[in-house]
Amino acid sequence: MADYRPLFTDIATEFILSLSSRRQRQVMRLVHQLARYPLVESDYRLPDAEGREIEHLLVEDFVFSYWVDHASRLVLITEIDLADTG
């Protein structure tokens, strides 16, 4: 399977840009890993405002929210948050 390409919403992009350079590289490495394996089972799903199922995946200390467009071979990253390590 050829890699999918990641695509970011403004919210996800702003989160990445708020990080240090080292953390930006870490997030991008993880996103590209997800794009290589878009069929990985997520931790949970929640519908968005349009009713689309958004996958949520905890990787390292980030939670990635995304959906996969198989026809376009895209992983659309809708949001990235720091995991609550409480």
C-alpha atoms as a PDB file:
ATOM      1  CA  MET A   1       0.000   0.000   0.000  1.00  0.00           C
ATOM      2  CA  ALA A   2       1.406   3.382  -0.970  1.00  0.00           C
ATOM      3  CA  ASP A   3       1.572   5.944   1.803  1.00  0.00           C
ATOM      4  CA  TYR A   4      -1.294   8.273   2.367  1.00  0.00           C
ATOM      5  CA  ARG A   5      -0.555  11.985   2.705  1.00  0.00           C
ATOM      6  CA  PRO A   6      -1.347  13.980   5.843  1.00  0.00           C
ATOM      7  CA  LEU A   7      -3.464  17.109   5.562  1.00  0.00           C
ATOM      8  CA  PHE A   8      -3.936  19.474   8.510  1.00  0.00           C
ATOM      9  CA  THR A   9      -6.754  21.754   9.618  1.00  0.00           C
ATOM     10  CA  ASP A  10      -5.906  25.255  10.814  1.00  0.00           C
ATOM     11  CA  ILE A  11      -6.392  24.107  14.426  1.00  0.00           C
ATOM     12  CA  ALA A  12      -3.907  21.253  14.036  1.00  0.00           C
ATOM     13  CA  THR A  13      -1.414  23.516  12.249  1.00  0.00           C
ATOM     14  CA  GLU A  14      -1.625  26.165  14.974  1.00  0.00           C
ATOM     15  CA  PHE A  15      -0.965  23.500  17.612  1.00  0.00           C
ATOM     16  CA  ILE A  16       2.132  22.263  15.784  1.00  0.00           C
ATOM     17  CA  LEU A  17       3.455  25.799  15.327  1.00  0.00           C
ATOM     18  CA  SER A  18       3.042  26.467  19.067  1.00  0.00           C
ATOM     19  CA  LEU A  19       5.522  23.694  19.901  1.00  0.00           C
ATOM     20  CA  SER A  20       9.276  23.846  20.181  1.00  0.00           C
ATOM     21  CA  SER A  21      11.232  22.755  17.106  1.00  0.00           C
ATOM     22  CA  ARG A  22      12.057  19.409  18.714  1.00  0.00           C
ATOM     23  CA  ARG A  23       8.394  18.728  19.523  1.00  0.00           C
ATOM     24  CA  GLN A  24       7.340  19.847  16.018  1.00  0.00           C
ATOM     25  CA  ARG A  25       9.665  17.226  14.546  1.00  0.00           C
ATOM     26  CA  GLN A  26       8.275  14.621  16.939  1.00  0.00           C
ATOM     27  CA  VAL A  27       4.674  15.385  15.917  1.00  0.00           C
ATOM     28  CA  MET A  28       5.529  15.334  12.228  1.00  0.00           C
ATOM     29  CA  ARG A  29       7.309  11.991  12.608  1.00  0.00           C
ATOM     30  CA  LEU A  30       4.217  10.558  14.303  1.00  0.00           C
ATOM     31  CA  VAL A  31       1.854  12.013  11.695  1.00  0.00           C
ATOM     32  CA  HIS A  32       3.880  10.515   8.856  1.00  0.00           C
ATOM     33  CA  GLN A  33       3.902   7.196  10.683  1.00  0.00           C
ATOM     34  CA  LEU A  34       0.093   7.373  10.878  1.00  0.00           C
ATOM     35  CA  ALA A  35      -0.049   8.194   7.156  1.00  0.00           C
ATOM     36  CA  ARG A  36       1.984   5.052   6.440  1.00  0.00           C
ATOM     37  CA  TYR A  37      -0.483   2.944   8.457  1.00  0.00           C
ATOM     38  CA  PRO A  38      -3.878   4.679   8.139  1.00  0.00           C
ATOM     39  CA  LEU A  39      -5.808   1.509   8.996  1.00  0.00           C
ATOM     40  CA  VAL A  40      -4.387   1.297  12.529  1.00  0.00           C
ATOM     41  CA  GLU A  41      -7.187   0.869  15.066  1.00  0.00           C
ATOM     42  CA  SER A  42      -7.760   4.103  16.948  1.00  0.00           C
ATOM     43  CA  ASP A  43      -8.445   4.343  20.666  1.00  0.00           C
ATOM     44  CA  TYR A  44     -11.959   5.744  20.189  1.00  0.00           C
ATOM     45  CA  ARG A  45     -14.261   7.500  17.704  1.00  0.00           C
ATOM     46  CA  LEU A  46     -16.565  10.475  18.117  1.00  0.00           C
ATOM     47  CA  PRO A  47     -18.780  12.143  15.509  1.00  0.00           C
ATOM     48  CA  ASP A  48     -17.989  15.697  14.404  1.00  0.00           C
ATOM     49  CA  ALA A  49     -20.572  18.427  13.699  1.00  0.00           C
ATOM     50  CA  GLU A  50     -21.268  16.904  10.251  1.00  0.00           C
ATOM     51  CA  GLY A  51     -21.710  13.409  11.700  1.00  0.00           C
ATOM     52  CA  ARG A  52     -18.383  12.126  10.354  1.00  0.00           C
ATOM     53  CA  GLU A  53     -16.661   9.621  12.649  1.00  0.00           C
ATOM     54  CA  ILE A  54     -13.411  11.177  13.860  1.00  0.00           C
ATOM     55  CA  GLU A  55     -10.744   8.745  15.025  1.00  0.00           C
ATOM     56  CA  HIS A  56      -8.753   9.582  18.163  1.00  0.00           C
ATOM     57  CA  LEU A  57      -5.384   7.956  18.667  1.00  0.00           C
ATOM     58  CA  LEU A  58      -3.040   8.343  21.622  1.00  0.00           C
ATOM     59  CA  VAL A  59       0.589   8.138  20.493  1.00  0.00           C
ATOM     60  CA  GLU A  60       3.384   8.958  22.896  1.00  0.00           C
ATOM     61  CA  ASP A  61       2.049  12.061  24.669  1.00  0.00           C
ATOM     62  CA  PHE A  62      -0.240  13.343  21.918  1.00  0.00           C
ATOM     63  CA  VAL A  63      -3.834  12.636  20.966  1.00  0.00           C
ATOM     64  CA  PHE A  64      -4.394  12.832  17.209  1.00  0.00           C
ATOM     65  CA  SER A  65      -7.923  13.404  15.926  1.00  0.00           C
ATOM     66  CA  TYR A  66      -8.315  12.493  12.261  1.00  0.00           C
ATOM     67  CA  TRP A  67     -10.318  10.841   9.546  1.00  0.00           C
ATOM     68  CA  VAL A  68      -9.112   8.963   6.512  1.00  0.00           C
ATOM     69  CA  ASP A  69     -10.178   9.722   2.941  1.00  0.00           C
ATOM     70  CA  HIS A  70      -9.288   6.497   1.170  1.00  0.00           C
ATOM     71  CA  ALA A  71     -10.343   7.729  -2.276  1.00  0.00           C
ATOM     72  CA  SER A  72      -7.897  10.651  -2.057  1.00  0.00           C
ATOM     73  CA  ARG A  73      -5.341   8.720   0.034  1.00  0.00           C
ATOM     74  CA  LEU A  74      -5.348  11.429   2.709  1.00  0.00           C
ATOM     75  CA  VAL A  75      -5.223  11.357   6.478  1.00  0.00           C
ATOM     76  CA  LEU A  76      -6.974  14.547   7.556  1.00  0.00           C
ATOM     77  CA  ILE A  77      -5.626  15.636  10.930  1.00  0.00           C
ATOM     78  CA  THR A  78      -8.407  17.687  12.484  1.00  0.00           C
ATOM     79  CA  GLU A  79      -6.851  18.331  15.884  1.00  0.00           C
ATOM     80  CA  ILE A  80      -3.811  17.468  17.988  1.00  0.00           C
ATOM     81  CA  ASP A  81      -3.754  17.757  21.770  1.00  0.00           C
ATOM     82  CA  LEU A  82      -1.371  16.908  24.534  1.00  0.00           C
ATOM     83  CA  ALA A  83      -2.479  13.808  26.378  1.00  0.00           C
ATOM     84  CA  ASP A  84      -3.635  14.366  29.924  1.00  0.00           C
ATOM     85  CA  THR A  85      -0.953  12.635  31.931  1.00  0.00           C
ATOM     86  CA  GLY A  86      -2.739  13.666  35.139  1.00  0.00           C
END
